[in-house]
Amino acid sequence: TSTPTSRATYVASFTAFVTWAFSNKPHLIDERFRATIDADNDDDLRKELKSKLDRNREKPPLHFELLESSDFVMWLLTLGKRDGTHPGFSSYGNHRAALSNLYRLYGVLMLPKLTQDLTTDFKDLKRQLASNAAHGTVKITTERFRKQLTKLLSKPTVAEELNRRGIHAEDIGTHSLRKRSSTYCSSGSTACPSSIAVHLRAGWTLGHGQNTYQRYEAAGDMHVGRTVCGLPLDSPGFALLPPHFIARDQHLSDTMSRVFGKLPDGISFIAEHTLASMVFHSDFVKSHVHPDHRVLPSPLFQVPGLIAELRLKLSRSSSSNDSMTATRIPPNVAILGHIQGIRASVDQTVAVIKSAQVTIVDDVVGRLNNGNQVLTRDTVESAVTSAIDRCGVRELVEDLRNERESQSLSPPTDPPAAPQQTVFLWGGGFHILPGDFAWPNCCPRGLWVLWLCGDVQHGWPALNRAKSKDFASKSARKRMSAPNICVARFLPRQSGKESRSAVVHR
């Protein structure tokens, strides 16, 4: 049994379909029903059909056995809104339900072939509507929200952050404002508003909305995970974040290109976090990974000072200019973090005051004990100034100012000295490679780095400088021919006496 509202919707729907069939599919109209209709135009026809279909159940309007799925879908495609756009898939579903209701009203069983064809056609229709919506060829009902979202995502700072995470602005669409607001209210914390309050505000009943758009359980699960990891519940350290870079600058982008090579935009953000984890755990990797592991010949471990520079850009806590914030934590942890910051500032201020007040008070008391001066504003000011001078504050300020001026006027420093080359003594002579040298098991890119740059960890020079006598084993000398052949193929032949190895080294 349908509600009065649904019944009125169904009657309006199949009335429109029968009206269309009168003009476009006359073979579907039952002759007995056609004889009862007397209308001069479409408007009168629609009104009369609605009256008969709503009340008269004796004469069926259609030859139900002749109706095919293509006829019904053809009518659906003729429908449109007042603004010229097509209805959504939910509207098509209501019309399909109205057709089923028309069969039930006249006691006719829908043929299995028609049921199957309608299911197939509606799947294709739904897929086509979704594709059109994704490509922007149809008007979306949330157009006003989409425009505001597009304007927000077009701002330079937002677009830069999206590009950093491998996301394009056109990949982000709009959804129901009520559903997204519900997700925002009930996610990311263990102290969200109650689910009952969110449901009442949204006008929902418990059930589908709770399980789909409210993620309190996920936040609680993350809270349990942090607890199981051993993070202290009564400390700001409970909000500890994984090692990450605060922001991506040009130096970090260049380093990622050197370490990973060319990467798709979609995994650029993943590569950034991978690099941050490698930098943070670099000491562990060096001490526990086998010396011949293929990760060690990478530029991250071969370029001197690179890891130290990247460590300065790492962070494990949230800050005002950080793109990553700690979520799924109790609110008391954030309060503890603020209290800890205030406590550190107060302790520093108290230490400065204590270091200065003793000297100032002793100087004032000493001047008064002399009996030669009266306690006036000038005498106190003179005593305080003298005490500050004795504490070295004035000299410290002057030294800092002079140091800054000298740095701005100092001549450029000498370039750093060239790196020294390690040599090895074996076989009665000096060689640039050790006697136990073995070609590492690495990818072609790692082999190319060894060929041009060497290995700083092992003290190997660029392998293109090595000669046959520098290899102790016969197998190592044989494998030397492989990179030589690659160089011969990739580098053009040089004129004169300059060899390819010299060109590569240069």
Protein backbone atom coordinates (compact mmCIF):
# COMPACT_ATOMS: atom_id res chain seq x y z
CA THR A 1 0.00 0.00 0.00
CA SER A 2 1.45 3.33 -1.03
CA THR A 3 1.03 6.64 0.74
CA PRO A 4 -1.25 9.35 -0.71
CA THR A 5 1.80 11.36 -1.80
CA SER A 6 3.35 8.39 -3.60
CA ARG A 7 0.01 7.49 -5.19
CA ALA A 8 -0.38 11.02 -6.58
CA THR A 9 3.19 10.86 -7.96
CA TYR A 10 2.54 7.51 -9.63
CA VAL A 11 -0.72 8.71 -11.22
CA ALA A 12 0.98 11.82 -12.64
CA SER A 13 3.82 9.69 -14.01
CA PHE A 14 1.88 6.98 -15.84
CA THR A 15 -0.64 9.58 -17.03
CA ALA A 16 2.19 11.39 -18.79
CA PHE A 17 3.42 8.09 -20.27
CA VAL A 18 -0.03 7.11 -21.61
CA THR A 19 -0.48 10.62 -23.03
CA TRP A 20 2.84 10.26 -24.89
CA ALA A 21 1.84 6.80 -26.13
CA PHE A 22 -1.40 8.19 -27.63
CA SER A 23 0.65 10.29 -30.07
CA ASN A 24 3.88 8.30 -30.53
CA LYS A 25 2.96 4.63 -29.89
CA PRO A 26 -0.71 4.28 -30.85
CA HIS A 27 -0.43 0.50 -31.20
CA LEU A 28 0.07 0.23 -27.45
CA ILE A 29 -3.30 1.86 -26.61
CA ASP A 30 -6.19 -0.49 -26.03
CA GLU A 31 -9.06 0.21 -28.50
CA ARG A 32 -11.74 -0.06 -25.82
CA PHE A 33 -9.97 2.51 -23.68
CA ARG A 34 -9.37 4.80 -26.70
CA ALA A 35 -13.09 4.81 -27.43
CA THR A 36 -13.81 6.34 -24.02
CA ILE A 37 -11.53 9.31 -24.61
CA ASP A 38 -12.89 12.44 -26.22
CA ALA A 39 -10.36 15.29 -26.20
CA ASP A 40 -9.39 17.92 -28.77
CA ASN A 41 -5.85 18.84 -27.61
CA ASP A 42 -3.04 17.55 -25.46
CA ASP A 43 -4.04 19.49 -22.37
CA ASP A 44 -7.59 18.16 -22.43
CA LEU A 45 -6.25 14.69 -23.21
CA ARG A 46 -3.98 14.75 -20.18
CA LYS A 47 -6.76 15.91 -17.85
CA GLU A 48 -9.20 13.28 -19.10
CA LEU A 49 -6.63 10.50 -18.94
CA LYS A 50 -5.71 11.43 -15.39
CA SER A 51 -9.33 11.35 -14.34
CA LYS A 52 -9.98 7.92 -15.90
CA LEU A 53 -6.69 6.34 -14.79
CA ASP A 54 -7.20 7.56 -11.25
CA ARG A 55 -10.74 6.24 -10.88
CA ASN A 56 -11.62 3.74 -13.63
CA ARG A 57 -10.00 0.32 -13.27
CA GLU A 58 -12.29 -1.65 -15.61
CA LYS A 59 -10.69 -0.97 -18.99
CA PRO A 60 -6.85 -1.19 -19.17
CA PRO A 61 -5.29 1.71 -21.10
CA LEU A 62 -2.50 -0.34 -22.73
CA HIS A 63 -1.82 -3.63 -24.38
CA PHE A 64 0.57 -4.60 -21.62
CA GLU A 65 1.84 -7.65 -23.51
CA LEU A 66 3.09 -5.39 -26.37
CA LEU A 67 5.00 -2.93 -24.16
CA GLU A 68 8.78 -3.16 -24.47
CA SER A 69 11.55 -1.64 -22.42
CA SER A 70 12.75 0.47 -25.34
CA ASP A 71 9.34 2.20 -25.52
CA PHE A 72 9.47 3.22 -21.88
CA VAL A 73 13.11 4.37 -22.04
CA MET A 74 12.35 6.37 -25.19
CA TRP A 75 9.68 8.25 -23.26
CA LEU A 76 12.05 8.85 -20.35
CA LEU A 77 14.55 10.50 -22.68
CA THR A 78 11.91 13.00 -23.82
CA LEU A 79 11.45 14.31 -20.27
CA GLY A 80 13.11 17.52 -19.17
CA LYS A 81 13.08 20.21 -16.54
CA ARG A 82 11.96 23.79 -16.95
CA ASP A 83 15.55 24.97 -17.30
CA GLY A 84 16.13 22.57 -20.22
CA THR A 85 18.19 19.97 -18.34
CA HIS A 86 17.40 16.28 -17.93
CA PRO A 87 16.07 14.83 -14.67
CA GLY A 88 18.32 12.91 -12.33
CA PHE A 89 18.48 9.16 -12.02
CA SER A 90 16.24 9.21 -8.93
CA SER A 91 13.44 10.76 -11.03
CA TYR A 92 13.83 7.99 -13.61
CA GLY A 93 13.57 5.46 -10.80
CA ASN A 94 10.28 7.03 -9.65
CA HIS A 95 8.85 6.72 -13.17
CA ARG A 96 9.87 3.07 -13.28
CA ALA A 97 8.12 2.49 -9.95
CA ALA A 98 5.03 4.23 -11.35
CA LEU A 99 5.02 1.83 -14.32
CA SER A 100 5.13 -1.14 -11.96
CA ASN A 101 2.27 0.40 -10.00
CA LEU A 102 0.22 0.72 -13.21
CA TYR A 103 0.62 -3.02 -13.81
CA ARG A 104 -0.50 -3.78 -10.25
CA LEU A 105 -3.55 -1.51 -10.48
CA TYR A 106 -4.91 -3.44 -13.44
CA GLY A 107 -3.91 -6.86 -12.11
CA VAL A 108 -1.39 -7.59 -14.90
CA LEU A 109 1.82 -9.48 -14.24
CA MET A 110 4.89 -7.87 -15.80
CA LEU A 111 6.63 -10.26 -18.18
CA PRO A 112 10.04 -11.53 -17.03
CA LYS A 113 11.67 -10.35 -20.27
CA LEU A 114 10.38 -6.81 -19.71
CA THR A 115 11.62 -6.84 -16.14
CA GLN A 116 15.08 -7.98 -17.18
CA ASP A 117 15.29 -5.49 -20.06
CA LEU A 118 14.28 -2.62 -17.78
CA THR A 119 16.97 -3.60 -15.28
CA THR A 120 19.64 -3.69 -18.00
CA ASP A 121 18.54 -0.43 -19.61
CA PHE A 122 18.40 1.39 -16.28
CA LYS A 123 21.94 0.26 -15.43
CA ASP A 124 23.16 1.67 -18.73
CA LEU A 125 21.20 4.87 -18.13
CA LYS A 126 22.66 5.28 -14.66
CA ARG A 127 26.18 4.73 -15.97
CA GLN A 128 25.67 7.30 -18.71
CA LEU A 129 24.28 9.90 -16.30
CA ALA A 130 27.21 9.39 -13.94
CA SER A 131 29.67 9.78 -16.83
CA ASN A 132 27.98 12.98 -18.01
CA ALA A 133 28.04 14.42 -14.49
CA ALA A 134 31.75 13.60 -14.13
CA HIS A 135 32.61 15.32 -17.42
CA GLY A 136 30.45 18.34 -16.65
CA THR A 137 28.08 17.87 -19.61
CA VAL A 138 25.01 18.06 -17.39
CA LYS A 139 23.99 20.62 -14.84
CA ILE A 140 24.46 19.51 -11.26
CA THR A 141 21.87 20.45 -8.66
CA THR A 142 24.62 21.54 -6.25
CA GLU A 143 25.88 24.10 -8.76
CA ARG A 144 26.06 26.93 -6.24
CA PHE A 145 28.25 24.87 -3.91
CA ARG A 146 30.44 23.70 -6.79
CA LYS A 147 31.12 27.29 -7.88
CA GLN A 148 32.18 28.32 -4.39
CA LEU A 149 34.32 25.22 -4.05
CA THR A 150 35.98 25.87 -7.42
CA LYS A 151 36.71 29.45 -6.40
CA LEU A 152 38.29 28.23 -3.17
CA LEU A 153 40.40 25.57 -4.88
CA SER A 154 41.64 28.11 -7.45
CA LYS A 155 43.46 30.17 -4.84
CA PRO A 156 47.25 29.92 -5.32
CA THR A 157 48.01 28.56 -1.85
CA VAL A 158 45.27 25.91 -2.03
CA ALA A 159 46.18 24.90 -5.59
CA GLU A 160 49.83 24.56 -4.60
CA GLU A 161 48.96 22.27 -1.68
CA LEU A 162 46.65 20.17 -3.88
CA ASN A 163 49.44 19.80 -6.43
CA ARG A 164 51.76 18.73 -3.63
CA ARG A 165 49.35 15.95 -2.69
CA GLY A 166 48.93 14.83 -6.30
CA ILE A 167 45.32 16.04 -6.58
CA HIS A 168 43.80 18.30 -9.23
CA ALA A 169 41.04 20.77 -8.46
CA GLU A 170 38.70 19.18 -11.00
CA ASP A 171 39.00 15.85 -9.14
CA ILE A 172 37.09 17.28 -6.17
CA GLY A 173 33.33 17.56 -6.49
CA THR A 174 30.49 18.67 -4.26
CA HIS A 175 28.14 16.62 -2.16
CA SER A 176 25.14 17.34 0.01
CA LEU A 177 25.98 20.15 2.40
CA ARG A 178 23.98 18.47 5.15
CA LYS A 179 25.83 15.16 4.74
CA ARG A 180 29.26 16.79 4.62
CA SER A 181 28.42 18.93 7.65
CA SER A 182 27.43 15.80 9.54
CA THR A 183 30.75 14.17 8.64
CA TYR A 184 32.63 17.28 9.80
CA CYS A 185 30.79 17.39 13.14
CA SER A 186 31.33 13.73 13.99
CA SER A 187 34.87 12.99 12.70
CA GLY A 188 38.44 13.58 13.73
CA SER A 189 37.92 13.66 17.50
CA THR A 190 36.75 11.48 20.36
CA ALA A 191 34.77 14.34 21.90
CA CYS A 192 32.37 15.13 19.05
CA PRO A 193 28.74 16.25 19.54
CA SER A 194 26.49 13.31 20.32
CA SER A 195 25.12 11.37 17.38
CA ILE A 196 21.56 12.05 18.58
CA ALA A 197 22.17 15.82 18.43
CA VAL A 198 23.69 15.57 14.93
CA HIS A 199 20.76 13.47 13.69
CA LEU A 200 18.20 15.89 15.11
CA ARG A 201 20.00 18.83 13.53
CA ALA A 202 20.12 17.08 10.14
CA GLY A 203 16.54 15.83 10.39
CA TRP A 204 17.57 12.18 10.05
CA THR A 205 16.52 8.98 11.70
CA LEU A 206 19.12 6.52 12.94
CA GLY A 207 20.37 3.94 10.48
CA HIS A 208 21.82 4.62 7.04
CA GLY A 209 22.98 8.15 7.79
CA GLN A 210 24.75 7.09 10.97
CA ASN A 211 26.71 4.27 9.33
CA THR A 212 27.63 6.21 6.17
CA TYR A 213 28.35 9.81 7.09
CA GLN A 214 29.34 9.71 10.77
CA ARG A 215 32.80 8.37 11.51
CA TYR A 216 32.99 8.45 15.28
CA GLU A 217 33.94 4.77 15.34
CA ALA A 218 36.97 5.43 13.08
CA ALA A 219 38.18 8.19 15.38
CA GLY A 220 37.76 5.95 18.40
CA ASP A 221 39.68 3.18 16.65
CA MET A 222 42.60 5.54 15.99
CA HIS A 223 42.51 6.62 19.64
CA VAL A 224 42.84 2.98 20.70
CA GLY A 225 45.67 2.51 18.21
CA ARG A 226 47.67 5.39 19.67
CA THR A 227 47.12 3.98 23.14
CA VAL A 228 48.27 0.49 22.14
CA CYS A 229 51.45 1.98 20.63
CA GLY A 230 52.44 3.11 24.12
CA LEU A 231 52.02 6.85 23.67
CA PRO A 232 51.44 8.58 27.04
CA LEU A 233 47.83 9.55 27.61
CA ASP A 234 48.69 12.35 30.04
CA SER A 235 51.26 14.06 27.81
CA PRO A 236 51.23 16.17 24.62
CA GLY A 237 53.32 13.37 23.11
CA PHE A 238 50.07 11.45 22.61
CA ALA A 239 49.48 13.68 19.56
CA LEU A 240 52.79 12.69 17.99
CA LEU A 241 52.80 12.75 14.18
CA PRO A 242 54.82 10.64 11.74
CA PRO A 243 57.99 12.29 10.40
CA HIS A 244 57.03 14.73 7.65
CA PHE A 245 58.26 17.88 5.97
CA ILE A 246 56.54 21.07 7.08
CA ALA A 247 56.39 22.43 3.52
CA ARG A 248 57.75 21.54 0.13
CA ASP A 249 60.22 24.06 -1.27
CA GLN A 250 62.30 23.95 -4.42
CA HIS A 251 65.21 22.22 -2.69
CA LEU A 252 62.94 19.43 -1.47
CA SER A 253 61.39 19.02 -4.94
CA ASP A 254 64.85 18.79 -6.52
CA THR A 255 65.91 16.21 -3.93
CA MET A 256 62.84 14.07 -4.66
CA SER A 257 63.66 14.18 -8.36
CA ARG A 258 67.24 13.08 -7.66
CA VAL A 259 66.21 10.24 -5.34
CA PHE A 260 63.11 8.89 -7.09
CA GLY A 261 63.46 10.18 -10.63
CA LYS A 262 60.36 11.04 -12.64
CA LEU A 263 57.20 10.26 -10.68
CA PRO A 264 53.49 10.50 -11.58
CA ASP A 265 51.70 13.41 -9.97
CA GLY A 266 49.35 11.06 -8.15
CA ILE A 267 52.08 9.55 -5.95
CA SER A 268 54.19 12.66 -5.40
CA PHE A 269 52.80 13.15 -1.88
CA ILE A 270 53.46 9.50 -1.06
CA ALA A 271 57.06 9.87 -2.24
CA GLU A 272 57.47 12.94 -0.02
CA HIS A 273 56.43 11.03 3.08
CA THR A 274 58.62 8.09 2.05
CA LEU A 275 61.61 10.42 1.78
CA ALA A 276 60.81 11.92 5.20
CA SER A 277 60.69 8.45 6.75
CA MET A 278 63.99 7.47 5.10
CA VAL A 279 65.69 10.63 6.39
CA PHE A 280 64.33 10.12 9.91
CA HIS A 281 65.45 6.46 10.01
CA SER A 282 68.69 6.95 8.05
CA ASP A 283 70.92 6.00 11.01
CA PHE A 284 69.00 2.76 11.50
CA VAL A 285 69.20 1.98 7.78
CA LYS A 286 72.96 2.50 7.71
CA SER A 287 73.55 0.31 10.75
CA HIS A 288 71.17 -2.56 9.98
CA VAL A 289 71.01 -2.82 6.20
CA HIS A 290 73.54 -4.96 4.35
CA PRO A 291 76.34 -2.85 2.79
CA ASP A 292 75.48 -4.17 -0.67
CA HIS A 293 71.79 -3.28 -0.41
CA ARG A 294 70.50 -1.33 -3.38
CA VAL A 295 69.16 1.53 -1.24
CA LEU A 296 72.64 2.68 -0.15
CA PRO A 297 73.90 3.72 -3.63
CA SER A 298 70.98 6.17 -3.94
CA PRO A 299 71.79 9.92 -3.94
CA LEU A 300 70.17 10.26 -0.50
CA PHE A 301 73.08 8.37 1.11
CA GLN A 302 75.76 9.32 -1.41
CA VAL A 303 75.54 13.14 -1.44
CA PRO A 304 77.45 14.48 1.60
CA GLY A 305 75.37 16.59 3.97
CA LEU A 306 72.06 15.94 2.19
CA ILE A 307 70.50 14.01 5.07
CA ALA A 308 71.60 16.66 7.58
CA GLU A 309 69.95 19.40 5.49
CA LEU A 310 66.72 17.46 5.19
CA ARG A 311 66.63 16.70 8.92
CA LEU A 312 66.28 20.42 9.60
CA LYS A 313 63.02 20.42 7.63
CA LEU A 314 61.47 17.45 9.43
CA SER A 315 58.76 17.77 12.05
CA ARG A 316 56.81 15.38 14.26
CA SER A 317 54.43 17.85 15.89
CA SER A 318 51.74 20.23 14.67
CA SER A 319 52.52 23.90 14.16
CA SER A 320 50.70 26.92 12.80
CA ASN A 321 52.43 26.70 9.38
CA ASP A 322 52.23 22.91 9.13
CA SER A 323 49.89 21.20 6.66
CA MET A 324 49.50 18.12 8.87
CA THR A 325 47.61 18.21 12.15
CA ALA A 326 46.97 15.53 14.75
CA THR A 327 43.42 14.17 14.74
CA ARG A 328 41.55 11.40 16.53
CA ILE A 329 42.89 12.55 19.89
CA PRO A 330 41.08 13.62 23.07
CA PRO A 331 40.77 17.39 23.56
CA ASN A 332 42.72 17.25 26.83
CA VAL A 333 45.88 16.38 24.85
CA ALA A 334 45.67 19.65 22.91
CA ILE A 335 45.11 21.53 26.17
CA LEU A 336 48.19 19.86 27.67
CA GLY A 337 50.23 20.97 24.66
CA HIS A 338 49.18 24.61 25.14
CA ILE A 339 49.89 24.40 28.87
CA GLN A 340 53.34 22.99 28.18
CA GLY A 341 54.14 25.86 25.81
CA ILE A 342 52.96 28.45 28.33
CA ARG A 343 54.97 26.76 31.07
CA ALA A 344 58.16 26.85 29.00
CA SER A 345 57.67 30.58 28.29
CA VAL A 346 57.04 31.33 31.97
CA ASP A 347 60.11 29.36 33.08
CA GLN A 348 62.29 31.22 30.61
CA THR A 349 60.92 34.58 31.75
CA VAL A 350 61.45 33.74 35.44
CA ALA A 351 65.04 32.67 34.77
CA VAL A 352 65.81 35.97 33.05
CA ILE A 353 64.21 38.00 35.85
CA LYS A 354 66.06 36.10 38.57
CA SER A 355 69.40 36.56 36.85
CA ALA A 356 68.95 40.32 36.65
CA GLN A 357 67.07 41.25 39.83
CA VAL A 358 69.76 40.16 42.25
CA THR A 359 72.42 42.25 40.57
CA ILE A 360 70.17 45.30 40.30
CA VAL A 361 68.98 45.18 43.92
CA ASP A 362 72.51 44.66 45.26
CA ASP A 363 73.78 47.64 43.30
CA VAL A 364 70.97 49.92 44.52
CA VAL A 365 71.47 48.84 48.12
CA GLY A 366 75.20 49.36 47.82
CA ARG A 367 74.79 52.89 46.57
CA LEU A 368 72.36 53.73 49.37
CA ASN A 369 74.67 52.31 52.02
CA ASN A 370 77.40 54.75 50.97
CA GLY A 371 75.29 57.57 52.34
CA ASN A 372 76.45 59.92 49.64
CA GLN A 373 73.35 59.82 47.44
CA VAL A 374 69.64 60.32 48.00
CA LEU A 375 67.14 57.77 46.65
CA THR A 376 65.74 59.62 43.68
CA ARG A 377 64.70 58.65 40.17
CA ASP A 378 68.06 59.66 38.78
CA THR A 379 70.04 57.65 41.32
CA VAL A 380 67.93 54.52 40.73
CA GLU A 381 68.24 54.93 36.96
CA SER A 382 72.00 55.35 37.26
CA ALA A 383 72.27 52.28 39.47
CA VAL A 384 70.20 50.14 37.12
CA THR A 385 72.21 51.30 34.08
CA SER A 386 75.46 50.53 35.84
CA ALA A 387 74.19 47.08 36.84
CA ILE A 388 73.16 46.33 33.25
CA ASP A 389 76.61 47.34 32.05
CA ARG A 390 78.26 45.04 34.57
CA CYS A 391 76.01 42.17 33.46
CA GLY A 392 77.44 42.53 29.98
CA VAL A 393 74.15 43.26 28.23
CA ARG A 394 75.43 46.37 26.44
CA GLU A 395 78.60 44.63 25.26
CA LEU A 396 76.56 41.67 24.02
CA VAL A 397 74.35 43.94 21.90
CA GLU A 398 77.38 45.75 20.48
CA ASP A 399 79.10 42.46 19.64
CA LEU A 400 76.05 41.20 17.82
CA ARG A 401 75.77 44.43 15.85
CA ASN A 402 79.45 44.39 14.91
CA GLU A 403 79.28 40.73 13.93
CA ARG A 404 76.33 41.40 11.64
CA GLU A 405 78.12 44.32 9.98
CA SER A 406 81.31 42.32 9.53
CA GLN A 407 79.40 39.49 7.92
CA SER A 408 77.80 41.87 5.43
CA LEU A 409 81.19 43.43 4.54
CA SER A 410 83.38 40.35 4.73
CA PRO A 411 84.89 39.12 1.44
CA PRO A 412 83.70 35.80 -0.01
CA THR A 413 85.26 32.78 1.57
CA ASP A 414 87.56 30.47 -0.27
CA PRO A 415 85.95 27.58 -2.09
CA PRO A 416 86.01 24.27 -0.23
CA ALA A 417 88.93 22.02 -0.86
CA ALA A 418 88.53 19.22 -3.36
CA PRO A 419 87.54 15.87 -1.83
CA GLN A 420 90.37 13.45 -1.21
CA GLN A 421 90.60 10.16 -3.03
CA THR A 422 91.09 6.94 -1.08
CA VAL A 423 93.53 4.40 -2.53
CA PHE A 424 93.94 0.76 -1.59
CA LEU A 425 97.12 -1.30 -1.40
CA TRP A 426 96.85 -4.88 -2.60
CA GLY A 427 98.63 -7.11 -5.11
CA GLY A 428 101.87 -5.19 -4.71
CA GLY A 429 100.47 -1.85 -5.93
CA PHE A 430 98.02 1.00 -5.33
CA HIS A 431 94.50 0.80 -6.73
CA ILE A 432 91.40 3.01 -6.56
CA LEU A 433 89.18 0.00 -5.66
CA PRO A 434 89.60 -2.39 -2.71
CA GLY A 435 90.74 -5.96 -3.25
CA ASP A 436 87.38 -7.40 -2.16
CA PHE A 437 85.38 -5.19 -4.52
CA ALA A 438 82.22 -6.80 -5.93
CA TRP A 439 79.64 -5.25 -8.19
CA PRO A 440 76.55 -4.44 -6.08
CA ASN A 441 73.15 -5.85 -6.93
CA CYS A 442 71.34 -2.68 -7.99
CA CYS A 443 68.97 -1.37 -10.64
CA PRO A 444 70.19 0.31 -13.87
CA ARG A 445 69.68 3.74 -12.31
CA GLY A 446 71.81 2.80 -9.30
CA LEU A 447 74.49 1.40 -11.60
CA TRP A 448 74.47 4.68 -13.53
CA VAL A 449 74.97 6.62 -10.28
CA LEU A 450 77.93 4.39 -9.36
CA TRP A 451 79.37 4.85 -12.83
CA LEU A 452 79.25 8.66 -12.63
CA CYS A 453 79.53 9.41 -8.88
CA GLY A 454 80.89 6.36 -7.08
CA ASP A 455 79.96 5.36 -3.54
CA VAL A 456 80.92 7.67 -0.69
CA GLN A 457 80.05 5.10 1.98
CA HIS A 458 82.52 2.55 0.63
CA GLY A 459 85.12 5.06 -0.57
CA TRP A 460 84.70 4.07 -4.24
CA PRO A 461 85.36 6.71 -6.89
CA ALA A 462 83.33 7.05 -10.08
CA LEU A 463 83.64 3.60 -11.65
CA ASN A 464 84.24 5.07 -15.11
CA ARG A 465 87.72 6.00 -13.85
CA ALA A 466 88.59 2.41 -12.95
CA LYS A 467 90.83 0.33 -15.17
CA SER A 468 91.11 -3.39 -15.56
CA LYS A 469 94.01 -3.61 -13.12
CA ASP A 470 91.87 -2.06 -10.35
CA PHE A 471 89.66 -5.18 -10.20
CA ALA A 472 91.09 -8.07 -8.22
CA SER A 473 88.70 -10.77 -9.48
CA LYS A 474 88.25 -11.93 -13.03
CA SER A 475 84.44 -11.82 -12.76
CA ALA A 476 84.54 -8.15 -11.72
CA ARG A 477 86.68 -7.33 -14.77
CA LYS A 478 84.21 -9.13 -17.04
CA ARG A 479 81.23 -7.25 -15.63
CA MET A 480 83.07 -4.00 -16.33
CA SER A 481 82.28 -4.52 -20.02
CA ALA A 482 78.49 -4.11 -19.47
CA PRO A 483 78.55 -0.41 -18.46
CA ASN A 484 81.19 0.24 -21.12
CA ILE A 485 78.80 -1.07 -23.77
CA CYS A 486 75.96 1.06 -22.38
CA VAL A 487 78.12 4.18 -22.52
CA ALA A 488 79.16 3.34 -26.06
CA ARG A 489 75.49 3.15 -27.08
CA PHE A 490 74.17 6.20 -25.26
CA LEU A 491 77.05 8.66 -25.77
CA PRO A 492 78.09 9.80 -29.26
CA ARG A 493 81.56 9.00 -30.50
CA GLN A 494 83.95 11.90 -29.80
CA SER A 495 86.47 13.26 -32.25
CA GLY A 496 90.13 13.54 -31.36
CA LYS A 497 91.83 11.78 -28.49
CA GLU A 498 89.15 12.41 -25.88
CA SER A 499 87.62 9.10 -24.78
CA ARG A 500 84.02 8.42 -23.81
CA SER A 501 84.98 7.76 -20.20
CA ALA A 502 86.56 11.20 -20.06
CA VAL A 503 83.38 12.75 -21.45
CA VAL A 504 81.25 10.97 -18.85
CA HIS A 505 83.58 11.96 -16.03
CA ARG A 506 83.54 15.53 -17.20
